[in-house]
Amino acid sequence: VELIDELGEFDVDITRYDHADNSLNERVEM
């Protein structure tokens, strides 16, 4: 993510931050 943000060629999202443990359903829904 840091590299993508630095180079800025496309946008990026992430399914979890830090210690979060999202379910498989939550990842699919996102």
PDB file of all heavy atoms in Angstrom:
ATOM      1  N   VAL A   1       0.837  -1.202   0.000  1.00  0.00           N
ATOM      2  CA  VAL A   1       0.000   0.000   0.000  1.00  0.00           C
ATOM      3  C   VAL A   1       0.871   1.250   0.000  1.00  0.00           C
ATOM      4  O   VAL A   1       0.603   2.213  -0.738  1.00  0.00           O
ATOM      5  CB  VAL A   1      -0.950   0.009   1.223  1.00  0.00           C
ATOM      6  CG1 VAL A   1      -1.624   1.372   1.371  1.00  0.00           C
ATOM      7  CG2 VAL A   1      -1.994  -1.088   1.092  1.00  0.00           C
ATOM      8  N   GLU A   2       1.922   1.250   0.797  1.00  0.00           N
ATOM      9  CA  GLU A   2       2.822   2.400   0.859  1.00  0.00           C
ATOM     10  C   GLU A   2       3.473   2.664  -0.500  1.00  0.00           C
ATOM     11  O   GLU A   2       3.572   3.814  -0.943  1.00  0.00           O
ATOM     12  CB  GLU A   2       3.893   2.150   1.916  1.00  0.00           C
ATOM     13  CG  GLU A   2       4.844   3.313   2.139  1.00  0.00           C
ATOM     14  CD  GLU A   2       5.853   3.051   3.244  1.00  0.00           C
ATOM     15  OE1 GLU A   2       5.676   2.080   4.002  1.00  0.00           O
ATOM     16  OE2 GLU A   2       6.831   3.822   3.331  1.00  0.00           O
ATOM     17  N   LEU A   3       3.895   1.591  -1.171  1.00  0.00           N
ATOM     18  CA  LEU A   3       4.513   1.749  -2.489  1.00  0.00           C
ATOM     19  C   LEU A   3       3.506   2.274  -3.505  1.00  0.00           C
ATOM     20  O   LEU A   3       3.826   3.165  -4.305  1.00  0.00           O
ATOM     21  CB  LEU A   3       5.076   0.407  -2.948  1.00  0.00           C
ATOM     22  CG  LEU A   3       5.720   0.380  -4.338  1.00  0.00           C
ATOM     23  CD1 LEU A   3       6.940   1.304  -4.394  1.00  0.00           C
ATOM     24  CD2 LEU A   3       6.119  -1.058  -4.721  1.00  0.00           C
ATOM     25  N   ILE A   4       2.308   1.736  -3.488  1.00  0.00           N
ATOM     26  CA  ILE A   4       1.267   2.180  -4.424  1.00  0.00           C
ATOM     27  C   ILE A   4       0.947   3.651  -4.201  1.00  0.00           C
ATOM     28  O   ILE A   4       0.826   4.431  -5.153  1.00  0.00           O
ATOM     29  CB  ILE A   4       0.013   1.307  -4.273  1.00  0.00           C
ATOM     30  CG1 ILE A   4       0.295  -0.114  -4.758  1.00  0.00           C
ATOM     31  CG2 ILE A   4      -1.171   1.915  -5.040  1.00  0.00           C
ATOM     32  CD1 ILE A   4      -0.791  -1.115  -4.412  1.00  0.00           C
ATOM     33  N   ASP A   5       0.799   4.045  -2.939  1.00  0.00           N
ATOM     34  CA  ASP A   5       0.515   5.450  -2.633  1.00  0.00           C
ATOM     35  C   ASP A   5       1.654   6.363  -3.081  1.00  0.00           C
ATOM     36  O   ASP A   5       1.423   7.480  -3.562  1.00  0.00           O
ATOM     37  CB  ASP A   5       0.270   5.615  -1.131  1.00  0.00           C
ATOM     38  CG  ASP A   5      -1.070   5.068  -0.693  1.00  0.00           C
ATOM     39  OD1 ASP A   5      -1.940   4.846  -1.563  1.00  0.00           O
ATOM     40  OD2 ASP A   5      -1.257   4.846   0.522  1.00  0.00           O
ATOM     41  N   GLU A   6       2.877   5.885  -2.936  1.00  0.00           N
ATOM     42  CA  GLU A   6       4.039   6.691  -3.319  1.00  0.00           C
ATOM     43  C   GLU A   6       4.091   6.896  -4.830  1.00  0.00           C
ATOM     44  O   GLU A   6       4.360   8.003  -5.300  1.00  0.00           O
ATOM     45  CB  GLU A   6       5.314   5.994  -2.844  1.00  0.00           C
ATOM     46  CG  GLU A   6       6.598   6.694  -3.243  1.00  0.00           C
ATOM     47  CD  GLU A   6       7.833   5.920  -2.839  1.00  0.00           C
ATOM     48  OE1 GLU A   6       7.736   5.066  -1.915  1.00  0.00           O
ATOM     49  OE2 GLU A   6       8.897   6.135  -3.449  1.00  0.00           O
ATOM     50  N   LEU A   7       3.817   5.840  -5.597  1.00  0.00           N
ATOM     51  CA  LEU A   7       3.926   5.925  -7.047  1.00  0.00           C
ATOM     52  C   LEU A   7       2.669   6.504  -7.691  1.00  0.00           C
ATOM     53  O   LEU A   7       2.724   7.087  -8.775  1.00  0.00           O
ATOM     54  CB  LEU A   7       4.238   4.543  -7.631  1.00  0.00           C
ATOM     55  CG  LEU A   7       5.585   3.941  -7.180  1.00  0.00           C
ATOM     56  CD1 LEU A   7       5.787   2.562  -7.773  1.00  0.00           C
ATOM     57  CD2 LEU A   7       6.739   4.859  -7.564  1.00  0.00           C
ATOM     58  N   GLY A   8       1.528   6.304  -7.048  1.00  0.00           N
ATOM     59  CA  GLY A   8       0.307   6.983  -7.456  1.00  0.00           C
ATOM     60  C   GLY A   8      -0.265   6.607  -8.809  1.00  0.00           C
ATOM     61  O   GLY A   8      -0.972   7.414  -9.417  1.00  0.00           O
ATOM     62  N   GLU A   9      -0.019   5.395  -9.286  1.00  0.00           N
ATOM     63  CA  GLU A   9      -0.486   5.015 -10.614  1.00  0.00           C
ATOM     64  C   GLU A   9      -1.887   4.417 -10.615  1.00  0.00           C
ATOM     65  O   GLU A   9      -2.525   4.329 -11.663  1.00  0.00           O
ATOM     66  CB  GLU A   9       0.502   4.044 -11.257  1.00  0.00           C
ATOM     67  CG  GLU A   9       1.862   4.671 -11.498  1.00  0.00           C
ATOM     68  CD  GLU A   9       2.739   3.802 -12.371  1.00  0.00           C
ATOM     69  OE1 GLU A   9       2.529   3.781 -13.594  1.00  0.00           O
ATOM     70  OE2 GLU A   9       3.631   3.139 -11.818  1.00  0.00           O
ATOM     71  N   PHE A  10      -2.346   3.953  -9.465  1.00  0.00           N
ATOM     72  CA  PHE A  10      -3.719   3.468  -9.343  1.00  0.00           C
ATOM     73  C   PHE A  10      -4.142   3.582  -7.887  1.00  0.00           C
ATOM     74  O   PHE A  10      -3.333   3.858  -7.004  1.00  0.00           O
ATOM     75  CB  PHE A  10      -3.874   2.033  -9.866  1.00  0.00           C
ATOM     76  CG  PHE A  10      -2.793   1.077  -9.446  1.00  0.00           C
ATOM     77  CD1 PHE A  10      -2.844   0.406  -8.242  1.00  0.00           C
ATOM     78  CD2 PHE A  10      -1.710   0.844 -10.279  1.00  0.00           C
ATOM     79  CE1 PHE A  10      -1.862  -0.481  -7.864  1.00  0.00           C
ATOM     80  CE2 PHE A  10      -0.699  -0.036  -9.915  1.00  0.00           C
ATOM     81  CZ  PHE A  10      -0.770  -0.703  -8.699  1.00  0.00           C
ATOM     82  N   ASP A  11      -5.430   3.412  -7.633  1.00  0.00           N
ATOM     83  CA  ASP A  11      -5.989   3.552  -6.287  1.00  0.00           C
ATOM     84  C   ASP A  11      -6.007   2.201  -5.584  1.00  0.00           C
ATOM     85  O   ASP A  11      -6.104   1.151  -6.219  1.00  0.00           O
ATOM     86  CB  ASP A  11      -7.403   4.118  -6.360  1.00  0.00           C
ATOM     87  CG  ASP A  11      -7.428   5.520  -6.944  1.00  0.00           C
ATOM     88  OD1 ASP A  11      -6.501   6.299  -6.653  1.00  0.00           O
ATOM     89  OD2 ASP A  11      -8.365   5.824  -7.711  1.00  0.00           O
ATOM     90  N   VAL A  12      -5.951   2.246  -4.255  1.00  0.00           N
ATOM     91  CA  VAL A  12      -5.934   1.003  -3.490  1.00  0.00           C
ATOM     92  C   VAL A  12      -6.785   1.138  -2.239  1.00  0.00           C
ATOM     93  O   VAL A  12      -6.808   2.176  -1.582  1.00  0.00           O
ATOM     94  CB  VAL A  12      -4.476   0.609  -3.124  1.00  0.00           C
ATOM     95  CG1 VAL A  12      -3.810   1.691  -2.275  1.00  0.00           C
ATOM     96  CG2 VAL A  12      -4.424  -0.745  -2.439  1.00  0.00           C
ATOM     97  N   ASP A  13      -7.520   0.074  -1.943  1.00  0.00           N
ATOM     98  CA  ASP A  13      -8.253  -0.078  -0.686  1.00  0.00           C
ATOM     99  C   ASP A  13      -7.741  -1.335  -0.001  1.00  0.00           C
ATOM    100  O   ASP A  13      -7.072  -2.175  -0.616  1.00  0.00           O
ATOM    101  CB  ASP A  13      -9.760  -0.205  -0.933  1.00  0.00           C
ATOM    102  CG  ASP A  13     -10.368   1.067  -1.487  1.00  0.00           C
ATOM    103  OD1 ASP A  13     -10.083   2.142  -0.942  1.00  0.00           O
ATOM    104  OD2 ASP A  13     -11.127   0.981  -2.475  1.00  0.00           O
ATOM    105  N   ILE A  14      -8.080  -1.500   1.271  1.00  0.00           N
ATOM    106  CA  ILE A  14      -7.610  -2.637   2.045  1.00  0.00           C
ATOM    107  C   ILE A  14      -8.777  -3.184   2.869  1.00  0.00           C
ATOM    108  O   ILE A  14      -9.628  -2.412   3.334  1.00  0.00           O
ATOM    109  CB  ILE A  14      -6.415  -2.220   2.925  1.00  0.00           C
ATOM    110  CG1 ILE A  14      -5.768  -3.425   3.603  1.00  0.00           C
ATOM    111  CG2 ILE A  14      -6.801  -1.158   3.911  1.00  0.00           C
ATOM    112  CD1 ILE A  14      -4.450  -3.076   4.296  1.00  0.00           C
ATOM    113  N   THR A  15      -8.835  -4.504   3.046  1.00  0.00           N
ATOM    114  CA  THR A  15      -9.986  -5.105   3.722  1.00  0.00           C
ATOM    115  C   THR A  15      -9.881  -5.067   5.237  1.00  0.00           C
ATOM    116  O   THR A  15     -10.890  -5.160   5.935  1.00  0.00           O
ATOM    117  CB  THR A  15     -10.175  -6.575   3.303  1.00  0.00           C
ATOM    118  OG1 THR A  15      -8.991  -7.328   3.640  1.00  0.00           O
ATOM    119  CG2 THR A  15     -10.462  -6.692   1.817  1.00  0.00           C
ATOM    120  N   ARG A  16      -8.682  -4.955   5.772  1.00  0.00           N
ATOM    121  CA  ARG A  16      -8.538  -4.871   7.232  1.00  0.00           C
ATOM    122  C   ARG A  16      -7.313  -4.043   7.581  1.00  0.00           C
ATOM    123  O   ARG A  16      -6.367  -3.950   6.819  1.00  0.00           O
ATOM    124  CB  ARG A  16      -8.427  -6.261   7.872  1.00  0.00           C
ATOM    125  CG  ARG A  16      -7.089  -6.969   7.682  1.00  0.00           C
ATOM    126  CD  ARG A  16      -7.008  -8.229   8.540  1.00  0.00           C
ATOM    127  NE  ARG A  16      -5.822  -9.019   8.285  1.00  0.00           N
ATOM    128  CZ  ARG A  16      -4.688  -8.919   8.980  1.00  0.00           C
ATOM    129  NH1 ARG A  16      -4.589  -8.032   9.943  1.00  0.00           N
ATOM    130  NH2 ARG A  16      -3.650  -9.698   8.700  1.00  0.00           N
ATOM    131  N   TYR A  17      -7.352  -3.457   8.785  1.00  0.00           N
ATOM    132  CA  TYR A  17      -6.234  -2.679   9.293  1.00  0.00           C
ATOM    133  C   TYR A  17      -5.773  -3.258  10.624  1.00  0.00           C
ATOM    134  O   TYR A  17      -6.578  -3.747  11.425  1.00  0.00           O
ATOM    135  CB  TYR A  17      -6.628  -1.215   9.481  1.00  0.00           C
ATOM    136  CG  TYR A  17      -6.827  -0.479   8.173  1.00  0.00           C
ATOM    137  CD1 TYR A  17      -8.082  -0.445   7.563  1.00  0.00           C
ATOM    138  CD2 TYR A  17      -5.763   0.142   7.525  1.00  0.00           C
ATOM    139  CE1 TYR A  17      -8.262   0.211   6.345  1.00  0.00           C
ATOM    140  CE2 TYR A  17      -5.938   0.797   6.311  1.00  0.00           C
ATOM    141  CZ  TYR A  17      -7.177   0.831   5.734  1.00  0.00           C
ATOM    142  OH  TYR A  17      -7.361   1.468   4.532  1.00  0.00           O
ATOM    143  N   ASP A  18      -4.470  -3.211  10.835  1.00  0.00           N
ATOM    144  CA  ASP A  18      -3.877  -3.662  12.091  1.00  0.00           C
ATOM    145  C   ASP A  18      -4.314  -5.085  12.427  1.00  0.00           C
ATOM    146  O   ASP A  18      -4.148  -5.979  11.626  1.00  0.00           O
ATOM    147  CB  ASP A  18      -4.218  -2.683  13.214  1.00  0.00           C
ATOM    148  CG  ASP A  18      -3.636  -1.297  12.956  1.00  0.00           C
ATOM    149  OD1 ASP A  18      -2.539  -1.235  12.385  1.00  0.00           O
ATOM    150  OD2 ASP A  18      -4.279  -0.301  13.315  1.00  0.00           O
ATOM    151  N   HIS A  19      -4.929  -5.261  13.605  1.00  0.00           N
ATOM    152  CA  HIS A  19      -5.236  -6.609  14.070  1.00  0.00           C
ATOM    153  C   HIS A  19      -6.647  -7.077  13.731  1.00  0.00           C
ATOM    154  O   HIS A  19      -7.056  -8.157  14.172  1.00  0.00           O
ATOM    155  CB  HIS A  19      -5.055  -6.683  15.598  1.00  0.00           C
ATOM    156  CG  HIS A  19      -3.667  -6.386  16.051  1.00  0.00           C
ATOM    157  ND1 HIS A  19      -2.606  -7.231  15.809  1.00  0.00           N
ATOM    158  CD2 HIS A  19      -3.146  -5.319  16.715  1.00  0.00           C
ATOM    159  CE1 HIS A  19      -1.504  -6.717  16.318  1.00  0.00           C
ATOM    160  NE2 HIS A  19      -1.804  -5.555  16.880  1.00  0.00           N
ATOM    161  N   ALA A  20      -7.380  -6.288  12.999  1.00  0.00           N
ATOM    162  CA  ALA A  20      -8.766  -6.668  12.698  1.00  0.00           C
ATOM    163  C   ALA A  20      -8.817  -8.040  12.041  1.00  0.00           C
ATOM    164  O   ALA A  20      -7.944  -8.415  11.268  1.00  0.00           O
ATOM    165  CB  ALA A  20      -9.392  -5.634  11.779  1.00  0.00           C
ATOM    166  N   ASP A  21      -9.856  -8.804  12.363  1.00  0.00           N
ATOM    167  CA  ASP A  21     -10.019 -10.143  11.790  1.00  0.00           C
ATOM    168  C   ASP A  21     -11.383 -10.217  11.120  1.00  0.00           C
ATOM    169  O   ASP A  21     -12.329 -10.783  11.651  1.00  0.00           O
ATOM    170  CB  ASP A  21      -9.892 -11.211  12.875  1.00  0.00           C
ATOM    171  CG  ASP A  21      -9.827 -12.618  12.281  1.00  0.00           C
ATOM    172  OD1 ASP A  21      -9.489 -12.736  11.089  1.00  0.00           O
ATOM    173  OD2 ASP A  21     -10.112 -13.587  13.005  1.00  0.00           O
ATOM    174  N   ASN A  22     -11.479  -9.615   9.948  1.00  0.00           N
ATOM    175  CA  ASN A  22     -12.746  -9.617   9.228  1.00  0.00           C
ATOM    176  C   ASN A  22     -13.097 -11.026   8.758  1.00  0.00           C
ATOM    177  O   ASN A  22     -12.220 -11.805   8.388  1.00  0.00           O
ATOM    178  CB  ASN A  22     -12.669  -8.687   8.013  1.00  0.00           C
ATOM    179  CG  ASN A  22     -12.447  -7.244   8.401  1.00  0.00           C
ATOM    180  OD1 ASN A  22     -12.479  -6.902   9.576  1.00  0.00           O
ATOM    181  ND2 ASN A  22     -12.208  -6.403   7.420  1.00  0.00           N
ATOM    182  N   SER A  23     -14.379 -11.313   8.750  1.00  0.00           N
ATOM    183  CA  SER A  23     -14.821 -12.610   8.261  1.00  0.00           C
ATOM    184  C   SER A  23     -14.677 -12.697   6.751  1.00  0.00           C
ATOM    185  O   SER A  23     -14.520 -11.670   6.063  1.00  0.00           O
ATOM    186  CB  SER A  23     -16.284 -12.840   8.645  1.00  0.00           C
ATOM    187  OG  SER A  23     -17.117 -11.963   7.908  1.00  0.00           O
ATOM    188  N   LEU A  24     -14.739 -13.908   6.225  1.00  0.00           N
ATOM    189  CA  LEU A  24     -14.694 -14.078   4.774  1.00  0.00           C
ATOM    190  C   LEU A  24     -15.872 -13.365   4.123  1.00  0.00           C
ATOM    191  O   LEU A  24     -15.728 -12.772   3.044  1.00  0.00           O
ATOM    192  CB  LEU A  24     -14.692 -15.565   4.418  1.00  0.00           C
ATOM    193  CG  LEU A  24     -13.453 -16.352   4.833  1.00  0.00           C
ATOM    194  CD1 LEU A  24     -13.616 -17.818   4.447  1.00  0.00           C
ATOM    195  CD2 LEU A  24     -12.191 -15.782   4.201  1.00  0.00           C
ATOM    196  N   ASN A  25     -17.036 -13.432   4.762  1.00  0.00           N
ATOM    197  CA  ASN A  25     -18.210 -12.737   4.209  1.00  0.00           C
ATOM    198  C   ASN A  25     -17.971 -11.237   4.121  1.00  0.00           C
ATOM    199  O   ASN A  25     -18.335 -10.597   3.121  1.00  0.00           O
ATOM    200  CB  ASN A  25     -19.442 -13.006   5.080  1.00  0.00           C
ATOM    201  CG  ASN A  25     -20.041 -14.382   4.826  1.00  0.00           C
ATOM    202  OD1 ASN A  25     -19.872 -14.948   3.750  1.00  0.00           O
ATOM    203  ND2 ASN A  25     -20.737 -14.917   5.815  1.00  0.00           N
ATOM    204  N   GLU A  26     -17.353 -10.659   5.151  1.00  0.00           N
ATOM    205  CA  GLU A  26     -17.082  -9.216   5.142  1.00  0.00           C
ATOM    206  C   GLU A  26     -16.106  -8.844   4.038  1.00  0.00           C
ATOM    207  O   GLU A  26     -16.245  -7.809   3.385  1.00  0.00           O
ATOM    208  CB  GLU A  26     -16.531  -8.789   6.501  1.00  0.00           C
ATOM    209  CG  GLU A  26     -17.568  -8.800   7.604  1.00  0.00           C
ATOM    210  CD  GLU A  26     -16.962  -8.527   8.967  1.00  0.00           C
ATOM    211  OE1 GLU A  26     -15.873  -9.067   9.263  1.00  0.00           O
ATOM    212  OE2 GLU A  26     -17.576  -7.770   9.742  1.00  0.00           O
ATOM    213  N   ARG A  27     -15.142  -9.697   3.785  1.00  0.00           N
ATOM    214  CA  ARG A  27     -14.170  -9.419   2.727  1.00  0.00           C
ATOM    215  C   ARG A  27     -14.836  -9.473   1.355  1.00  0.00           C
ATOM    216  O   ARG A  27     -14.587  -8.638   0.490  1.00  0.00           O
ATOM    217  CB  ARG A  27     -13.007 -10.409   2.830  1.00  0.00           C
ATOM    218  CG  ARG A  27     -12.209 -10.266   4.119  1.00  0.00           C
ATOM    219  CD  ARG A  27     -11.263 -11.446   4.363  1.00  0.00           C
ATOM    220  NE  ARG A  27     -10.838 -11.501   5.755  1.00  0.00           N
ATOM    221  CZ  ARG A  27      -9.632 -11.158   6.193  1.00  0.00           C
ATOM    222  NH1 ARG A  27      -8.719 -10.723   5.351  1.00  0.00           N
ATOM    223  NH2 ARG A  27      -9.332 -11.246   7.469  1.00  0.00           N
ATOM    224  N   VAL A  28     -15.685 -10.478   1.169  1.00  0.00           N
ATOM    225  CA  VAL A  28     -16.414 -10.588  -0.094  1.00  0.00           C
ATOM    226  C   VAL A  28     -17.356  -9.404  -0.273  1.00  0.00           C
ATOM    227  O   VAL A  28     -17.450  -8.821  -1.365  1.00  0.00           O
ATOM    228  CB  VAL A  28     -17.197 -11.917  -0.146  1.00  0.00           C
ATOM    229  CG1 VAL A  28     -18.171 -11.924  -1.320  1.00  0.00           C
ATOM    230  CG2 VAL A  28     -16.232 -13.088  -0.257  1.00  0.00           C
ATOM    231  N   GLU A  29     -18.050  -9.026   0.795  1.00  0.00           N
ATOM    232  CA  GLU A  29     -18.982  -7.901   0.708  1.00  0.00           C
ATOM    233  C   GLU A  29     -18.266  -6.606   0.368  1.00  0.00           C
ATOM    234  O   GLU A  29     -18.792  -5.765  -0.381  1.00  0.00           O
ATOM    235  CB  GLU A  29     -19.741  -7.760   2.030  1.00  0.00           C
ATOM    236  CG  GLU A  29     -20.778  -8.869   2.259  1.00  0.00           C
ATOM    237  CD  GLU A  29     -21.318  -8.868   3.669  1.00  0.00           C
ATOM    238  OE1 GLU A  29     -20.942  -7.958   4.452  1.00  0.00           O
ATOM    239  OE2 GLU A  29     -22.105  -9.775   4.008  1.00  0.00           O
ATOM    240  N   MET A  30     -17.068  -6.423   0.883  1.00  0.00           N
ATOM    241  CA  MET A  30     -16.309  -5.209   0.563  1.00  0.00           C
ATOM    242  C   MET A  30     -15.931  -5.191  -0.915  1.00  0.00           C
ATOM    243  O   MET A  30     -16.005  -4.147  -1.572  1.00  0.00           O
ATOM    244  CB  MET A  30     -15.063  -5.118   1.432  1.00  0.00           C
ATOM    245  CG  MET A  30     -14.303  -3.812   1.243  1.00  0.00           C
ATOM    246  SD  MET A  30     -12.979  -3.589   2.465  1.00  0.00           S
ATOM    247  CE  MET A  30     -12.372  -1.971   1.967  1.00  0.00           C
TER     248      MET A  30
END
